[in-house]
């Protein structure tokens, strides 16, 4: 029932990526390995439709328990970071 699904959601919002500190160390040209090492496993990996990006690591979860998922991502090309957004970044 409800308890099971709640636990599942909380479980997803775990790992180093849920803390801002890890994201502060992410840089362009970082390797996929370093990113996984720093942030932990992404909640989802998907191919990108943009030619300038090959793979997107999605880090999604309700980090402040307000019922709304925070979303971060890291974009890779040739196994290197080209751009990223922390889920802790406040939307302008």
N, C-alpha and C. Protein backbone atom coordinates (compact mmCIF):
# COMPACT_ATOMS: atom_id res chain seq x y z
N UNK A 1 0.82 -1.21 0.00
CA UNK A 1 0.00 0.00 0.00
C UNK A 1 0.85 1.24 0.00
N UNK A 2 0.35 2.25 0.67
CA UNK A 2 0.96 3.58 0.66
C UNK A 2 2.37 3.57 1.24
N UNK A 3 2.53 2.83 2.33
CA UNK A 3 3.83 2.83 3.02
C UNK A 3 4.94 2.38 2.08
N UNK A 4 4.68 1.34 1.32
CA UNK A 4 5.68 0.81 0.39
C UNK A 4 6.12 1.84 -0.64
N UNK A 5 5.15 2.55 -1.22
CA UNK A 5 5.50 3.50 -2.26
C UNK A 5 6.22 4.71 -1.67
N UNK A 6 5.88 5.09 -0.47
CA UNK A 6 6.59 6.20 0.17
C UNK A 6 8.05 5.84 0.41
N UNK A 7 8.28 4.61 0.87
CA UNK A 7 9.64 4.16 1.12
C UNK A 7 10.45 4.16 -0.18
N UNK A 8 9.82 3.73 -1.23
CA UNK A 8 10.49 3.66 -2.52
C UNK A 8 10.96 5.05 -2.95
N UNK A 9 10.12 6.04 -2.76
CA UNK A 9 10.47 7.41 -3.16
C UNK A 9 11.63 7.92 -2.29
N UNK A 10 11.55 7.66 -1.00
CA UNK A 10 12.60 8.14 -0.12
C UNK A 10 13.92 7.47 -0.47
N UNK A 11 13.84 6.21 -0.85
CA UNK A 11 15.03 5.44 -1.21
C UNK A 11 15.73 6.04 -2.42
N UNK A 12 14.93 6.57 -3.34
CA UNK A 12 15.47 7.15 -4.57
C UNK A 12 16.28 8.41 -4.25
N UNK A 13 15.84 9.15 -3.23
CA UNK A 13 16.49 10.40 -2.89
C UNK A 13 17.63 10.16 -1.90
N UNK A 14 18.51 9.27 -2.30
CA UNK A 14 19.65 8.97 -1.44
C UNK A 14 20.90 9.00 -2.28
N UNK A 15 22.04 9.07 -1.61
CA UNK A 15 23.29 9.09 -2.34
C UNK A 15 23.88 10.48 -2.26
N UNK A 16 25.14 10.58 -2.64
CA UNK A 16 25.88 11.84 -2.51
C UNK A 16 25.23 13.00 -3.26
N UNK A 17 24.52 12.70 -4.36
CA UNK A 17 23.94 13.77 -5.18
C UNK A 17 22.89 14.58 -4.43
N UNK A 18 22.35 14.02 -3.34
CA UNK A 18 21.31 14.73 -2.60
C UNK A 18 21.89 15.84 -1.73
N UNK A 19 23.22 15.91 -1.65
CA UNK A 19 23.87 16.98 -0.89
C UNK A 19 24.53 17.96 -1.86
N UNK A 20 24.46 19.26 -1.55
CA UNK A 20 25.02 20.27 -2.48
C UNK A 20 26.54 20.15 -2.66
N UNK A 21 27.24 19.65 -1.64
CA UNK A 21 28.70 19.66 -1.67
C UNK A 21 29.27 18.93 -2.90
N UNK A 22 28.70 17.76 -3.21
CA UNK A 22 29.20 17.00 -4.35
C UNK A 22 29.09 17.78 -5.65
N UNK A 23 27.97 18.47 -5.82
CA UNK A 23 27.74 19.22 -7.06
C UNK A 23 28.73 20.36 -7.22
N UNK A 24 29.22 20.89 -6.11
CA UNK A 24 30.17 22.00 -6.20
C UNK A 24 31.49 21.56 -6.82
N UNK A 25 31.76 20.25 -6.81
CA UNK A 25 33.03 19.77 -7.35
C UNK A 25 32.91 19.31 -8.81
N UNK A 26 31.69 19.30 -9.34
CA UNK A 26 31.50 18.88 -10.74
C UNK A 26 32.01 19.98 -11.67
N UNK A 27 32.80 19.56 -12.64
CA UNK A 27 33.38 20.50 -13.60
C UNK A 27 33.20 19.98 -15.02
N UNK A 28 33.24 20.89 -15.98
CA UNK A 28 33.25 20.46 -17.38
C UNK A 28 34.49 19.61 -17.63
N UNK A 29 34.38 18.70 -18.56
CA UNK A 29 35.46 17.78 -18.96
C UNK A 29 35.69 16.67 -17.95
N UNK A 30 34.94 16.64 -16.85
CA UNK A 30 35.07 15.54 -15.91
C UNK A 30 34.59 14.25 -16.57
N UNK A 31 35.16 13.12 -16.19
CA UNK A 31 34.76 11.85 -16.79
C UNK A 31 33.47 11.33 -16.16
N UNK A 32 32.81 10.43 -16.90
CA UNK A 32 31.60 9.81 -16.36
C UNK A 32 31.90 9.11 -15.05
N UNK A 33 33.06 8.45 -15.02
CA UNK A 33 33.45 7.72 -13.81
C UNK A 33 33.54 8.67 -12.61
N UNK A 34 34.21 9.80 -12.81
CA UNK A 34 34.36 10.77 -11.71
C UNK A 34 33.02 11.29 -11.23
N UNK A 35 32.11 11.52 -12.17
CA UNK A 35 30.79 12.01 -11.80
C UNK A 35 30.04 10.98 -10.97
N UNK A 36 30.08 9.72 -11.42
CA UNK A 36 29.42 8.67 -10.63
C UNK A 36 30.08 8.51 -9.28
N UNK A 37 31.40 8.66 -9.26
CA UNK A 37 32.16 8.56 -8.03
C UNK A 37 31.77 9.68 -7.06
N UNK A 38 31.54 10.87 -7.61
CA UNK A 38 31.24 12.05 -6.79
C UNK A 38 29.77 12.10 -6.38
N UNK A 39 28.87 11.83 -7.33
CA UNK A 39 27.44 12.02 -7.10
C UNK A 39 26.69 10.73 -6.80
N UNK A 40 27.30 9.59 -7.12
CA UNK A 40 26.59 8.32 -7.00
C UNK A 40 25.85 8.01 -8.29
N UNK A 41 25.12 6.90 -8.27
CA UNK A 41 24.41 6.48 -9.48
C UNK A 41 23.27 7.42 -9.79
N UNK A 42 23.11 7.82 -11.06
CA UNK A 42 21.98 8.67 -11.43
C UNK A 42 20.66 7.90 -11.27
N UNK A 43 19.57 8.62 -11.07
CA UNK A 43 18.28 7.96 -10.97
C UNK A 43 17.83 7.48 -12.34
N UNK A 44 18.35 8.12 -13.39
CA UNK A 44 18.00 7.72 -14.75
C UNK A 44 19.10 8.14 -15.71
N UNK A 45 19.37 7.31 -16.71
CA UNK A 45 20.32 7.67 -17.75
C UNK A 45 19.56 7.61 -19.06
N UNK A 46 19.63 8.69 -19.84
CA UNK A 46 18.92 8.65 -21.11
C UNK A 46 19.78 9.24 -22.21
N UNK A 47 19.57 8.78 -23.44
CA UNK A 47 20.27 9.37 -24.57
C UNK A 47 19.72 10.76 -24.84
N UNK A 48 20.55 11.63 -25.36
CA UNK A 48 20.11 12.98 -25.66
C UNK A 48 19.72 13.10 -27.12
N UNK A 49 18.79 14.00 -27.41
CA UNK A 49 18.40 14.26 -28.80
C UNK A 49 19.31 15.31 -29.42
N UNK A 50 20.02 16.05 -28.59
CA UNK A 50 20.91 17.10 -29.11
C UNK A 50 22.23 16.48 -29.60
N UNK A 51 22.71 16.95 -30.75
CA UNK A 51 23.97 16.41 -31.28
C UNK A 51 25.17 16.74 -30.39
N UNK A 52 25.08 17.84 -29.66
CA UNK A 52 26.21 18.26 -28.83
C UNK A 52 26.29 17.46 -27.52
N UNK A 53 25.26 16.66 -27.26
CA UNK A 53 25.20 15.87 -26.03
C UNK A 53 24.83 14.43 -26.37
N UNK A 54 25.53 13.47 -25.77
CA UNK A 54 25.24 12.06 -26.07
C UNK A 54 24.37 11.43 -24.99
N UNK A 55 24.77 11.65 -23.74
CA UNK A 55 24.09 10.98 -22.63
C UNK A 55 23.75 11.99 -21.55
N UNK A 56 22.59 11.80 -20.94
CA UNK A 56 22.18 12.66 -19.82
C UNK A 56 22.01 11.79 -18.58
N UNK A 57 22.70 12.15 -17.52
CA UNK A 57 22.48 11.53 -16.21
C UNK A 57 21.44 12.38 -15.50
N UNK A 58 20.31 11.78 -15.16
CA UNK A 58 19.27 12.49 -14.43
C UNK A 58 19.37 12.16 -12.94
N UNK A 59 19.34 13.18 -12.11
CA UNK A 59 19.31 12.99 -10.66
C UNK A 59 18.03 13.66 -10.16
N UNK A 60 17.03 12.84 -9.89
CA UNK A 60 15.71 13.38 -9.58
C UNK A 60 15.19 12.80 -8.28
N UNK A 61 14.69 13.66 -7.41
CA UNK A 61 14.09 13.20 -6.16
C UNK A 61 13.59 14.36 -5.35
N UNK A 62 12.69 14.08 -4.43
CA UNK A 62 12.14 15.12 -3.57
C UNK A 62 13.09 15.32 -2.39
N UNK A 63 13.98 16.29 -2.53
CA UNK A 63 15.06 16.46 -1.56
C UNK A 63 14.63 17.19 -0.29
N UNK A 64 13.61 18.02 -0.39
CA UNK A 64 13.19 18.78 0.80
C UNK A 64 11.79 18.39 1.26
N UNK A 65 11.33 17.24 0.80
CA UNK A 65 10.05 16.66 1.25
C UNK A 65 8.86 17.61 1.09
N UNK A 66 8.88 18.41 0.02
CA UNK A 66 7.73 19.31 -0.21
C UNK A 66 6.78 18.70 -1.23
N UNK A 67 7.04 17.45 -1.62
CA UNK A 67 6.17 16.79 -2.58
C UNK A 67 6.50 17.11 -4.02
N UNK A 68 7.50 17.98 -4.23
CA UNK A 68 7.90 18.33 -5.59
C UNK A 68 9.32 17.82 -5.81
N UNK A 69 9.52 17.11 -6.92
CA UNK A 69 10.84 16.57 -7.21
C UNK A 69 11.82 17.67 -7.60
N UNK A 70 12.99 17.65 -6.98
CA UNK A 70 14.09 18.48 -7.44
C UNK A 70 14.79 17.70 -8.55
N UNK A 71 15.29 18.41 -9.54
CA UNK A 71 15.88 17.74 -10.68
C UNK A 71 17.24 18.31 -11.02
N UNK A 72 18.22 17.44 -11.08
CA UNK A 72 19.54 17.83 -11.53
C UNK A 72 19.92 16.95 -12.71
N UNK A 73 20.88 17.40 -13.48
CA UNK A 73 21.33 16.57 -14.59
C UNK A 73 22.77 16.89 -14.92
N UNK A 74 23.42 15.92 -15.55
CA UNK A 74 24.76 16.10 -16.07
C UNK A 74 24.75 15.61 -17.52
N UNK A 75 25.19 16.47 -18.43
CA UNK A 75 25.22 16.13 -19.85
C UNK A 75 26.63 15.71 -20.26
N UNK A 76 26.71 14.60 -21.00
CA UNK A 76 28.00 14.07 -21.43
C UNK A 76 28.12 14.00 -22.94
N UNK A 77 29.34 14.24 -23.41
CA UNK A 77 29.69 13.96 -24.81
C UNK A 77 31.09 13.36 -24.77
N UNK A 78 31.29 12.26 -25.50
CA UNK A 78 32.57 11.55 -25.47
C UNK A 78 33.00 11.22 -24.05
N UNK A 79 32.04 10.82 -23.24
CA UNK A 79 32.27 10.41 -21.85
C UNK A 79 32.81 11.53 -20.95
N UNK A 80 32.62 12.77 -21.40
CA UNK A 80 33.06 13.93 -20.59
C UNK A 80 31.88 14.86 -20.35
N UNK A 81 31.92 15.54 -19.21
CA UNK A 81 30.86 16.50 -18.88
C UNK A 81 30.93 17.70 -19.81
N UNK A 82 29.78 18.05 -20.41
CA UNK A 82 29.72 19.28 -21.20
C UNK A 82 28.91 20.36 -20.48
N UNK A 83 27.91 19.94 -19.71
CA UNK A 83 27.14 20.90 -18.92
C UNK A 83 26.38 20.15 -17.83
N UNK A 84 25.92 20.89 -16.85
CA UNK A 84 25.20 20.24 -15.75
C UNK A 84 24.38 21.27 -14.98
N UNK A 85 23.41 20.78 -14.22
CA UNK A 85 22.62 21.64 -13.35
C UNK A 85 22.38 20.89 -12.04
N UNK A 86 22.72 21.53 -10.96
CA UNK A 86 22.51 20.93 -9.64
C UNK A 86 21.04 20.99 -9.25
N UNK A 87 20.53 19.93 -8.61
CA UNK A 87 19.14 19.99 -8.14
C UNK A 87 19.01 20.97 -6.97
N UNK A 88 20.14 21.42 -6.45
CA UNK A 88 20.13 22.35 -5.31
C UNK A 88 20.16 23.80 -5.77
N UNK A 89 20.38 24.00 -7.08
CA UNK A 89 20.40 25.36 -7.62
C UNK A 89 18.99 25.92 -7.55
N UNK A 90 18.87 27.11 -7.02
CA UNK A 90 17.56 27.76 -6.96
C UNK A 90 17.21 28.27 -8.34
N UNK A 91 16.01 27.94 -8.77
CA UNK A 91 15.56 28.44 -10.07
C UNK A 91 15.44 29.96 -10.01
N UNK A 92 15.96 30.61 -11.02
CA UNK A 92 15.86 32.10 -11.05
C UNK A 92 14.42 32.50 -11.33
